[in-house]
Structure formats: C-alpha cells, structure tokens
Amino acid sequence: MKNKTLLIFFVSILFTGAVTFLFNSVNHTENNKKEMYKEGSVGIPDDPGARMEYERKMLADPRTGMIPANIRQKELAFSKSLPTTKLNKANTLTWSARGPINRGGRTRALGIDVRTQTAPNITIIAAGASGGIYKSTDNGATWVNKLPADKLHSATSIVQDTRSGHQDTWYIGTGERGSNLLGGYSTLYLGDGIYKSIDNGETWTLIPSTTNGSPQQFSQAFDFIFNVAINPTTGSLFAAASNTIVRLTDGG
C-alpha cells in the first residue's frame, strides 16, 4: 500500500511538472510573438473581421450603432446638389514647373501678392520647410532666397495683410511638426516664431514676442506653427501653433 502511495505521488509530480512545462513553453512562445510584433521584426497578422468592423463603425450612426437605411441613395442625392462646372478645368489647363527647383525643400506654402494679378509681373512668395523664404517677381520664372544663411529656414505657412495701405506686410510661420520625408512622420524641423516683412518680402525679421532664440529644442508653442491668418478688417494675426490658437495684435 505504501509503495502504491509513493508511486501515485511521483506520478502526480511528473504530471504537474509536464503541464507546467507545456504551459510555460506556450506562454513563452506567445510572449516572444508579442515582443517580435512590438519590435517590428515580423508583421502583425491581418484580421479581416476587425477591418470590416472598423469600416462599419465609420459608417454607423453613433446614436444607434447601425448604418442608416438607404444611406447610399441619400449620398447620391446629396452629391447631385453640389455645385458643378461644365468643364473639367484640370484637363483644360496647361501646367509648367515654377520652382524654386529643389533648393527650397518641400514648398509648404505659397502667397501671391494681391496687387499683381497679370503675368508676367506676378509676385509670388514661397515658404520651404527646410529651404527658407523665396520670392519671385516674374510669375515664378526666377527665384531669390530672401533669408541669409544664419537665419532659421523652416518656413511653413504664409499670409499677406491685404488691407489697403498694409499690403507690403507679410507673415510666415516656422516649424514643421511632421513630414513624410522618410515615409513616415519621423522627420521634423523645429521653428522659433513668426517672421514678419514690411517691405513686400524683401527682408524678414522674427517677431520678438514669438521667439525665444532656441530652435534647437522644443520649448514653446511657437516652435511649430501650422498656419497663420489675418483678420481682413482689424489686421489681427492668428497663429495655429503647437496645441493652441494665438491672436497677436499690433503686428505682434
């Protein structure tokens, strides 16, 4: 009887050990998979069902969780109410490259002087994410870089003060938070405030209230300016900066 008890005891230990070993092996394998997925060494398996559910939620009414009945017919009816043109203008226009070639980097913004509307004397100002500020006075045939080498060159947005008597004034925001230069949003160019020109884009100065002189590190909202706009009546400048909207009066 004693021998049988010992045999059962040892068998139990062996069985428990085997189960524990198998469990740990499976768990270790799953953890390895998770680590590989996280590190990007292997692709995460596709889940068609999850994709379909995601698309369904995009179309569903958030109040009911259901796709509205006859939504396709309603979409088609709405599309017919949109304004249309008789001609496909994109196919009837002739396009030609206007630069400033590749020296300007990615051209993030263009501004056309409202006083110049007839070629070939149209004045254009271009803001390059890594190339600075370029100006053309011959409808883009030739360009001149208006920022010296020692100035910050991450120009990303532009606006002209179109009020009568103020049209020589321009503003350019600096800083690019994310770009797809390397196939993702891993590249950024820090800015350091807003440039202002009062001589129609010939010279540019950073507005003191928007710069702290340290574009080497992110330290203020004006390091990334996504867009700038001007109130056409009062001349107040608005800047969509990092996580905030800022209004500047009296030219900043």
C-alpha atoms as a PDB file:
ATOM      1  CA  MET A   1       0.000   0.000   0.000  1.00  0.00           C
ATOM      2  CA  LYS A   2       2.849   2.293   0.877  1.00  0.00           C
ATOM      3  CA  ASN A   3       4.566   1.629  -2.474  1.00  0.00           C
ATOM      4  CA  LYS A   4       1.365   2.430  -4.383  1.00  0.00           C
ATOM      5  CA  THR A   5       1.030   5.696  -2.486  1.00  0.00           C
ATOM      6  CA  LEU A   6       4.633   6.663  -3.340  1.00  0.00           C
ATOM      7  CA  LEU A   7       4.074   5.711  -6.998  1.00  0.00           C
ATOM      8  CA  ILE A   8       0.936   7.875  -7.212  1.00  0.00           C
ATOM      9  CA  PHE A   9       2.833  10.716  -5.523  1.00  0.00           C
ATOM     10  CA  PHE A  10       5.715  10.573  -8.016  1.00  0.00           C
ATOM     11  CA  VAL A  11       3.343  10.285 -10.986  1.00  0.00           C
ATOM     12  CA  SER A  12       1.480  13.357  -9.738  1.00  0.00           C
ATOM     13  CA  ILE A  13       4.729  15.311  -9.517  1.00  0.00           C
ATOM     14  CA  LEU A  14       5.744  14.256 -13.023  1.00  0.00           C
ATOM     15  CA  PHE A  15       2.313  15.153 -14.456  1.00  0.00           C
ATOM     16  CA  THR A  16       2.273  18.536 -12.728  1.00  0.00           C
ATOM     17  CA  GLY A  17       5.783  19.266 -13.953  1.00  0.00           C
ATOM     18  CA  ALA A  18       4.895  18.315 -17.520  1.00  0.00           C
ATOM     19  CA  VAL A  19       1.790  20.502 -17.517  1.00  0.00           C
ATOM     20  CA  THR A  20       3.746  23.408 -16.032  1.00  0.00           C
ATOM     21  CA  PHE A  21       6.480  22.958 -18.629  1.00  0.00           C
ATOM     22  CA  LEU A  22       3.978  22.946 -21.504  1.00  0.00           C
ATOM     23  CA  PHE A  23       2.144  25.995 -20.117  1.00  0.00           C
ATOM     24  CA  ASN A  24       5.360  27.946 -19.688  1.00  0.00           C
ATOM     25  CA  SER A  25       6.518  26.964 -23.185  1.00  0.00           C
ATOM     26  CA  VAL A  26       3.275  28.165 -24.767  1.00  0.00           C
ATOM     27  CA  ASN A  27       3.292  31.340 -22.679  1.00  0.00           C
ATOM     28  CA  HIS A  28       6.936  31.966 -23.572  1.00  0.00           C
ATOM     29  CA  THR A  29       6.173  31.487 -27.255  1.00  0.00           C
ATOM     30  CA  GLU A  30       3.221  33.922 -27.111  1.00  0.00           C
ATOM     31  CA  ASN A  31       5.342  36.480 -25.274  1.00  0.00           C
ATOM     32  CA  ASN A  32       8.050  36.109 -27.905  1.00  0.00           C
ATOM     33  CA  LYS A  33       5.474  36.744 -30.632  1.00  0.00           C
ATOM     34  CA  LYS A  34       4.233  39.861 -28.857  1.00  0.00           C
ATOM     35  CA  GLU A  35       7.782  41.144 -28.496  1.00  0.00           C
ATOM     36  CA  MET A  36       8.501  40.468 -32.163  1.00  0.00           C
ATOM     37  CA  TYR A  37       5.314  42.284 -33.210  1.00  0.00           C
ATOM     38  CA  LYS A  38       6.158  45.183 -30.934  1.00  0.00           C
ATOM     39  CA  GLU A  39       9.708  45.467 -32.240  1.00  0.00           C
ATOM     40  CA  GLY A  40       8.528  45.246 -35.831  1.00  0.00           C
ATOM     41  CA  SER A  41      10.646  42.194 -36.702  1.00  0.00           C
ATOM     42  CA  VAL A  42       7.579  40.422 -38.089  1.00  0.00           C
ATOM     43  CA  GLY A  43       4.265  41.687 -39.347  1.00  0.00           C
ATOM     44  CA  ILE A  44       1.130  41.524 -37.213  1.00  0.00           C
ATOM     45  CA  PRO A  45      -1.297  39.003 -38.741  1.00  0.00           C
ATOM     46  CA  ASP A  46      -4.190  40.510 -40.678  1.00  0.00           C
ATOM     47  CA  ASP A  47      -7.630  40.419 -39.114  1.00  0.00           C
ATOM     48  CA  PRO A  48     -10.183  40.945 -41.911  1.00  0.00           C
ATOM     49  CA  GLY A  49     -13.031  40.799 -39.422  1.00  0.00           C
ATOM     50  CA  ALA A  50     -11.585  43.657 -37.377  1.00  0.00           C
ATOM     51  CA  ARG A  51     -11.099  45.716 -40.532  1.00  0.00           C
ATOM     52  CA  MET A  52     -14.696  45.197 -41.582  1.00  0.00           C
ATOM     53  CA  GLU A  53     -15.923  46.132 -38.117  1.00  0.00           C
ATOM     54  CA  TYR A  54     -13.791  49.291 -38.188  1.00  0.00           C
ATOM     55  CA  GLU A  55     -15.285  50.346 -41.532  1.00  0.00           C
ATOM     56  CA  ARG A  56     -18.788  49.549 -40.299  1.00  0.00           C
ATOM     57  CA  LYS A  57     -18.311  51.802 -37.268  1.00  0.00           C
ATOM     58  CA  MET A  58     -17.163  54.628 -39.557  1.00  0.00           C
ATOM     59  CA  LEU A  59     -20.479  54.432 -41.401  1.00  0.00           C
ATOM     60  CA  ALA A  60     -22.718  53.750 -38.416  1.00  0.00           C
ATOM     61  CA  ASP A  61     -24.908  56.315 -36.675  1.00  0.00           C
ATOM     62  CA  PRO A  62     -23.172  56.841 -33.288  1.00  0.00           C
ATOM     63  CA  ARG A  63     -26.562  57.114 -31.565  1.00  0.00           C
ATOM     64  CA  THR A  64     -27.857  53.743 -32.742  1.00  0.00           C
ATOM     65  CA  GLY A  65     -24.713  51.874 -33.764  1.00  0.00           C
ATOM     66  CA  MET A  66     -26.434  50.977 -37.048  1.00  0.00           C
ATOM     67  CA  ILE A  67     -25.828  52.114 -40.627  1.00  0.00           C
ATOM     68  CA  PRO A  68     -28.824  54.304 -41.588  1.00  0.00           C
ATOM     69  CA  ALA A  69     -31.266  52.812 -44.058  1.00  0.00           C
ATOM     70  CA  ASN A  70     -30.923  53.949 -47.679  1.00  0.00           C
ATOM     71  CA  ILE A  71     -27.740  55.870 -46.835  1.00  0.00           C
ATOM     72  CA  ARG A  72     -26.261  55.206 -50.288  1.00  0.00           C
ATOM     73  CA  GLN A  73     -29.265  56.718 -52.032  1.00  0.00           C
ATOM     74  CA  LYS A  74     -29.045  59.736 -49.723  1.00  0.00           C
ATOM     75  CA  GLU A  75     -25.354  60.141 -50.534  1.00  0.00           C
ATOM     76  CA  LEU A  76     -26.064  60.078 -54.264  1.00  0.00           C
ATOM     77  CA  ALA A  77     -28.887  62.582 -53.879  1.00  0.00           C
ATOM     78  CA  PHE A  78     -26.647  64.906 -51.852  1.00  0.00           C
ATOM     79  CA  SER A  79     -23.846  64.668 -54.427  1.00  0.00           C
ATOM     80  CA  LYS A  80     -26.249  65.858 -57.119  1.00  0.00           C
ATOM     81  CA  SER A  81     -26.939  69.025 -55.101  1.00  0.00           C
ATOM     82  CA  LEU A  82     -23.246  70.022 -55.051  1.00  0.00           C
ATOM     83  CA  PRO A  83     -22.161  72.811 -57.420  1.00  0.00           C
ATOM     84  CA  THR A  84     -20.659  71.607 -60.671  1.00  0.00           C
ATOM     85  CA  THR A  85     -18.885  73.102 -63.666  1.00  0.00           C
ATOM     86  CA  LYS A  86     -19.477  72.308 -67.300  1.00  0.00           C
ATOM     87  CA  LEU A  87     -15.750  71.892 -67.994  1.00  0.00           C
ATOM     88  CA  ASN A  88     -13.145  69.753 -66.322  1.00  0.00           C
ATOM     89  CA  LYS A  89     -10.774  72.635 -65.652  1.00  0.00           C
ATOM     90  CA  ALA A  90      -7.860  70.415 -64.589  1.00  0.00           C
ATOM     91  CA  ASN A  91      -7.783  68.861 -68.059  1.00  0.00           C
ATOM     92  CA  THR A  92      -8.098  72.150 -69.923  1.00  0.00           C
ATOM     93  CA  LEU A  93      -5.244  73.944 -68.142  1.00  0.00           C
ATOM     94  CA  THR A  94      -1.609  73.838 -69.165  1.00  0.00           C
ATOM     95  CA  TRP A  95       0.826  73.349 -66.265  1.00  0.00           C
ATOM     96  CA  SER A  96       4.536  74.180 -66.128  1.00  0.00           C
ATOM     97  CA  ALA A  97       7.051  73.902 -63.265  1.00  0.00           C
ATOM     98  CA  ARG A  98       7.730  77.164 -61.452  1.00  0.00           C
ATOM     99  CA  GLY A  99      10.427  76.167 -58.925  1.00  0.00           C
ATOM    100  CA  PRO A 100      12.241  77.085 -56.845  1.00  0.00           C
ATOM    101  CA  ILE A 101      13.503  73.666 -58.028  1.00  0.00           C
ATOM    102  CA  ASN A 102      14.731  71.589 -55.058  1.00  0.00           C
ATOM    103  CA  ARG A 103      16.673  74.254 -53.215  1.00  0.00           C
ATOM    104  CA  GLY A 104      13.588  75.272 -51.328  1.00  0.00           C
ATOM    105  CA  GLY A 105      12.956  71.807 -49.917  1.00  0.00           C
ATOM    106  CA  ARG A 106       9.284  70.935 -49.645  1.00  0.00           C
ATOM    107  CA  THR A 107       7.250  74.010 -50.512  1.00  0.00           C
ATOM    108  CA  ARG A 108       4.696  74.175 -47.704  1.00  0.00           C
ATOM    109  CA  ALA A 109       3.043  77.496 -48.593  1.00  0.00           C
ATOM    110  CA  LEU A 110       2.662  79.981 -51.435  1.00  0.00           C
ATOM    111  CA  GLY A 111       1.479  83.563 -51.308  1.00  0.00           C
ATOM    112  CA  ILE A 112       0.572  85.717 -54.316  1.00  0.00           C
ATOM    113  CA  ASP A 113       0.658  89.494 -53.947  1.00  0.00           C
ATOM    114  CA  VAL A 114      -2.955  90.635 -54.359  1.00  0.00           C
ATOM    115  CA  ARG A 115      -1.743  93.692 -56.279  1.00  0.00           C
ATOM    116  CA  THR A 116      -0.185  91.586 -59.038  1.00  0.00           C
ATOM    117  CA  GLN A 117      -2.737  89.612 -60.973  1.00  0.00           C
ATOM    118  CA  THR A 118      -1.432  89.713 -64.552  1.00  0.00           C
ATOM    119  CA  ALA A 119       1.502  87.714 -65.925  1.00  0.00           C
ATOM    120  CA  PRO A 120       4.400  88.070 -66.298  1.00  0.00           C
ATOM    121  CA  ASN A 121       4.715  90.502 -63.385  1.00  0.00           C
ATOM    122  CA  ILE A 122       3.044  88.401 -60.670  1.00  0.00           C
ATOM    123  CA  THR A 123       4.872  88.423 -57.331  1.00  0.00           C
ATOM    124  CA  ILE A 124       4.964  85.071 -55.513  1.00  0.00           C
ATOM    125  CA  ILE A 125       6.478  84.268 -52.115  1.00  0.00           C
ATOM    126  CA  ALA A 126       7.224  80.625 -51.275  1.00  0.00           C
ATOM    127  CA  ALA A 127       7.859  79.069 -47.864  1.00  0.00           C
ATOM    128  CA  GLY A 128      10.070  75.961 -47.816  1.00  0.00           C
ATOM    129  CA  ALA A 129      10.099  73.576 -44.868  1.00  0.00           C
ATOM    130  CA  SER A 130      13.889  73.389 -44.920  1.00  0.00           C
ATOM    131  CA  GLY A 131      14.848  75.926 -47.577  1.00  0.00           C
ATOM    132  CA  GLY A 132      13.622  79.231 -46.233  1.00  0.00           C
ATOM    133  CA  ILE A 133      11.734  82.025 -47.983  1.00  0.00           C
ATOM    134  CA  TYR A 134      11.899  82.567 -51.746  1.00  0.00           C
ATOM    135  CA  LYS A 135      10.490  85.431 -53.789  1.00  0.00           C
ATOM    136  CA  SER A 136       9.688  85.701 -57.484  1.00  0.00           C
ATOM    137  CA  THR A 137       8.580  88.884 -59.259  1.00  0.00           C
ATOM    138  CA  ASP A 138       8.212  87.346 -62.734  1.00  0.00           C
ATOM    139  CA  ASN A 139       5.440  84.806 -62.216  1.00  0.00           C
ATOM    140  CA  GLY A 140       7.813  82.105 -60.966  1.00  0.00           C
ATOM    141  CA  ALA A 141      10.355  82.223 -63.787  1.00  0.00           C
ATOM    142  CA  THR A 142      13.184  83.144 -61.377  1.00  0.00           C
ATOM    143  CA  TRP A 143      13.502  82.992 -57.589  1.00  0.00           C
ATOM    144  CA  VAL A 144      15.651  84.695 -54.954  1.00  0.00           C
ATOM    145  CA  ASN A 145      16.210  83.355 -51.431  1.00  0.00           C
ATOM    146  CA  LYS A 146      15.364  86.168 -49.031  1.00  0.00           C
ATOM    147  CA  LEU A 147      16.811  84.602 -45.869  1.00  0.00           C
ATOM    148  CA  PRO A 148      20.551  84.787 -45.083  1.00  0.00           C
ATOM    149  CA  ALA A 149      22.334  81.549 -44.178  1.00  0.00           C
ATOM    150  CA  ASP A 150      22.362  82.415 -40.466  1.00  0.00           C
ATOM    151  CA  LYS A 151      18.548  82.697 -40.284  1.00  0.00           C
ATOM    152  CA  LEU A 152      16.056  79.960 -39.416  1.00  0.00           C
ATOM    153  CA  HIS A 153      14.918  78.274 -42.660  1.00  0.00           C
ATOM    154  CA  SER A 154      11.959  76.124 -41.565  1.00  0.00           C
ATOM    155  CA  ALA A 155       9.191  78.232 -43.159  1.00  0.00           C
ATOM    156  CA  THR A 156       5.816  76.502 -43.362  1.00  0.00           C
ATOM    157  CA  SER A 157       2.884  78.938 -43.658  1.00  0.00           C
ATOM    158  CA  ILE A 158       2.309  82.386 -45.137  1.00  0.00           C
ATOM    159  CA  VAL A 159      -0.218  85.215 -45.204  1.00  0.00           C
ATOM    160  CA  GLN A 160      -0.359  88.755 -46.614  1.00  0.00           C
ATOM    161  CA  ASP A 161      -2.121  91.665 -44.935  1.00  0.00           C
ATOM    162  CA  THR A 162      -4.498  92.576 -47.757  1.00  0.00           C
ATOM    163  CA  ARG A 163      -5.893  95.732 -46.159  1.00  0.00           C
ATOM    164  CA  SER A 164      -5.382  98.907 -48.158  1.00  0.00           C
ATOM    165  CA  GLY A 165      -2.126 100.578 -47.095  1.00  0.00           C
ATOM    166  CA  HIS A 166      -0.812  97.411 -45.411  1.00  0.00           C
ATOM    167  CA  GLN A 167      -0.213  95.153 -48.389  1.00  0.00           C
ATOM    168  CA  ASP A 168       3.582  95.272 -48.071  1.00  0.00           C
ATOM    169  CA  THR A 169       3.199  93.335 -44.799  1.00  0.00           C
ATOM    170  CA  TRP A 170       3.575  89.552 -44.809  1.00  0.00           C
ATOM    171  CA  TYR A 171       3.852  86.941 -42.063  1.00  0.00           C
ATOM    172  CA  ILE A 172       5.422  83.488 -42.246  1.00  0.00           C
ATOM    173  CA  GLY A 173       5.147  80.781 -39.588  1.00  0.00           C
ATOM    174  CA  THR A 174       8.045  78.439 -38.864  1.00  0.00           C
ATOM    175  CA  GLY A 175       8.380  74.835 -37.762  1.00  0.00           C
ATOM    176  CA  GLU A 176       7.180  71.573 -39.280  1.00  0.00           C
ATOM    177  CA  ARG A 177       5.813  69.115 -36.730  1.00  0.00           C
ATOM    178  CA  GLY A 178       5.649  66.094 -39.004  1.00  0.00           C
ATOM    179  CA  SER A 179       6.532  65.213 -42.561  1.00  0.00           C
ATOM    180  CA  ASN A 180       6.595  62.107 -44.722  1.00  0.00           C
ATOM    181  CA  LEU A 181      10.112  62.815 -45.921  1.00  0.00           C
ATOM    182  CA  LEU A 182      11.250  59.370 -44.762  1.00  0.00           C
ATOM    183  CA  GLY A 183       7.972  57.572 -45.414  1.00  0.00           C
ATOM    184  CA  GLY A 184       6.505  58.425 -42.012  1.00  0.00           C
ATOM    185  CA  TYR A 185       6.153  61.255 -39.520  1.00  0.00           C
ATOM    186  CA  SER A 186       9.612  60.813 -38.059  1.00  0.00           C
ATOM    187  CA  THR A 187      11.138  63.963 -39.547  1.00  0.00           C
ATOM    188  CA  LEU A 188      10.545  67.386 -38.039  1.00  0.00           C
ATOM    189  CA  TYR A 189      12.025  70.832 -38.379  1.00  0.00           C
ATOM    190  CA  LEU A 190      11.834  72.991 -35.273  1.00  0.00           C
ATOM    191  CA  GLY A 191      10.769  76.578 -35.741  1.00  0.00           C
ATOM    192  CA  ASP A 192      11.164  79.585 -33.486  1.00  0.00           C
ATOM    193  CA  GLY A 193       8.366  82.045 -34.040  1.00  0.00           C
ATOM    194  CA  ILE A 194       6.825  84.094 -36.836  1.00  0.00           C
ATOM    195  CA  TYR A 195       8.684  86.074 -39.483  1.00  0.00           C
ATOM    196  CA  LYS A 196       7.369  89.487 -40.495  1.00  0.00           C
ATOM    197  CA  SER A 197       8.158  91.545 -43.580  1.00  0.00           C
ATOM    198  CA  ILE A 198       7.056  95.159 -44.069  1.00  0.00           C
ATOM    199  CA  ASP A 199       8.787  95.658 -47.449  1.00  0.00           C
ATOM    200  CA  ASN A 200       6.823  93.148 -49.521  1.00  0.00           C
ATOM    201  CA  GLY A 201       9.010  90.162 -48.731  1.00  0.00           C
ATOM    202  CA  GLU A 202      12.431  91.690 -49.323  1.00  0.00           C
ATOM    203  CA  THR A 203      13.606  91.380 -45.711  1.00  0.00           C
ATOM    204  CA  TRP A 204      12.281  89.305 -42.804  1.00  0.00           C
ATOM    205  CA  THR A 205      12.531  89.630 -39.027  1.00  0.00           C
ATOM    206  CA  LEU A 206      11.305  87.247 -36.336  1.00  0.00           C
ATOM    207  CA  ILE A 207       8.624  88.903 -34.186  1.00  0.00           C
ATOM    208  CA  PRO A 208      10.247  89.204 -30.723  1.00  0.00           C
ATOM    209  CA  SER A 209       7.110  88.128 -28.837  1.00  0.00           C
ATOM    210  CA  THR A 210       7.067  84.809 -30.719  1.00  0.00           C
ATOM    211  CA  THR A 211      10.715  83.748 -30.436  1.00  0.00           C
ATOM    212  CA  ASN A 212      12.945  82.719 -27.555  1.00  0.00           C
ATOM    213  CA  GLY A 213      16.073  82.145 -29.627  1.00  0.00           C
ATOM    214  CA  SER A 214      16.345  78.393 -29.010  1.00  0.00           C
ATOM    215  CA  PRO A 215      15.241  76.444 -32.103  1.00  0.00           C
ATOM    216  CA  GLN A 216      17.473  73.548 -31.042  1.00  0.00           C
ATOM    217  CA  GLN A 217      14.810  72.153 -28.724  1.00  0.00           C
ATOM    218  CA  PHE A 218      11.032  72.274 -28.335  1.00  0.00           C
ATOM    219  CA  SER A 219      10.387  74.854 -25.625  1.00  0.00           C
ATOM    220  CA  GLN A 220       7.372  76.956 -26.661  1.00  0.00           C
ATOM    221  CA  ALA A 221       4.164  76.825 -28.680  1.00  0.00           C
ATOM    222  CA  PHE A 222       5.670  78.943 -31.481  1.00  0.00           C
ATOM    223  CA  ASP A 223       8.233  76.229 -32.268  1.00  0.00           C
ATOM    224  CA  PHE A 224       5.612  74.600 -34.501  1.00  0.00           C
ATOM    225  CA  ILE A 225       3.230  76.878 -36.408  1.00  0.00           C
ATOM    226  CA  PHE A 226       0.776  75.066 -38.626  1.00  0.00           C
ATOM    227  CA  ASN A 227      -0.957  78.062 -40.178  1.00  0.00           C
ATOM    228  CA  VAL A 228      -1.284  81.843 -39.982  1.00  0.00           C
ATOM    229  CA  ALA A 229      -4.244  84.047 -40.893  1.00  0.00           C
ATOM    230  CA  ILE A 230      -5.129  87.740 -40.731  1.00  0.00           C
ATOM    231  CA  ASN A 231      -8.409  89.396 -39.852  1.00  0.00           C
ATOM    232  CA  PRO A 232      -9.105  91.388 -43.059  1.00  0.00           C
ATOM    233  CA  THR A 233     -10.790  94.166 -41.062  1.00  0.00           C
ATOM    234  CA  THR A 234      -8.602  94.667 -37.978  1.00  0.00           C
ATOM    235  CA  GLY A 235      -5.297  93.212 -39.152  1.00  0.00           C
ATOM    236  CA  SER A 236      -5.021  90.950 -36.095  1.00  0.00           C
ATOM    237  CA  LEU A 237      -2.782  87.964 -36.758  1.00  0.00           C
ATOM    238  CA  PHE A 238      -3.894  84.462 -35.778  1.00  0.00           C
ATOM    239  CA  ALA A 239      -1.475  81.561 -35.482  1.00  0.00           C
ATOM    240  CA  ALA A 240      -2.329  77.880 -35.178  1.00  0.00           C
ATOM    241  CA  ALA A 241       0.643  76.948 -33.006  1.00  0.00           C
ATOM    242  CA  SER A 242       1.502  73.806 -31.074  1.00  0.00           C
ATOM    243  CA  ASN A 243      -1.718  72.747 -29.269  1.00  0.00           C
ATOM    244  CA  THR A 244      -3.063  76.293 -29.217  1.00  0.00           C
ATOM    245  CA  ILE A 245      -4.531  79.166 -31.210  1.00  0.00           C
ATOM    246  CA  VAL A 246      -2.864  82.536 -30.578  1.00  0.00           C
ATOM    247  CA  ARG A 247      -4.027  86.025 -31.539  1.00  0.00           C
ATOM    248  CA  LEU A 248      -1.416  88.756 -31.962  1.00  0.00           C
ATOM    249  CA  THR A 249      -2.412  92.420 -32.186  1.00  0.00           C
ATOM    250  CA  ASP A 250      -0.412  95.484 -33.229  1.00  0.00           C
ATOM    251  CA  GLY A 251       1.711  93.442 -35.616  1.00  0.00           C
ATOM    252  CA  GLY A 252       2.801  91.022 -32.897  1.00  0.00           C
END
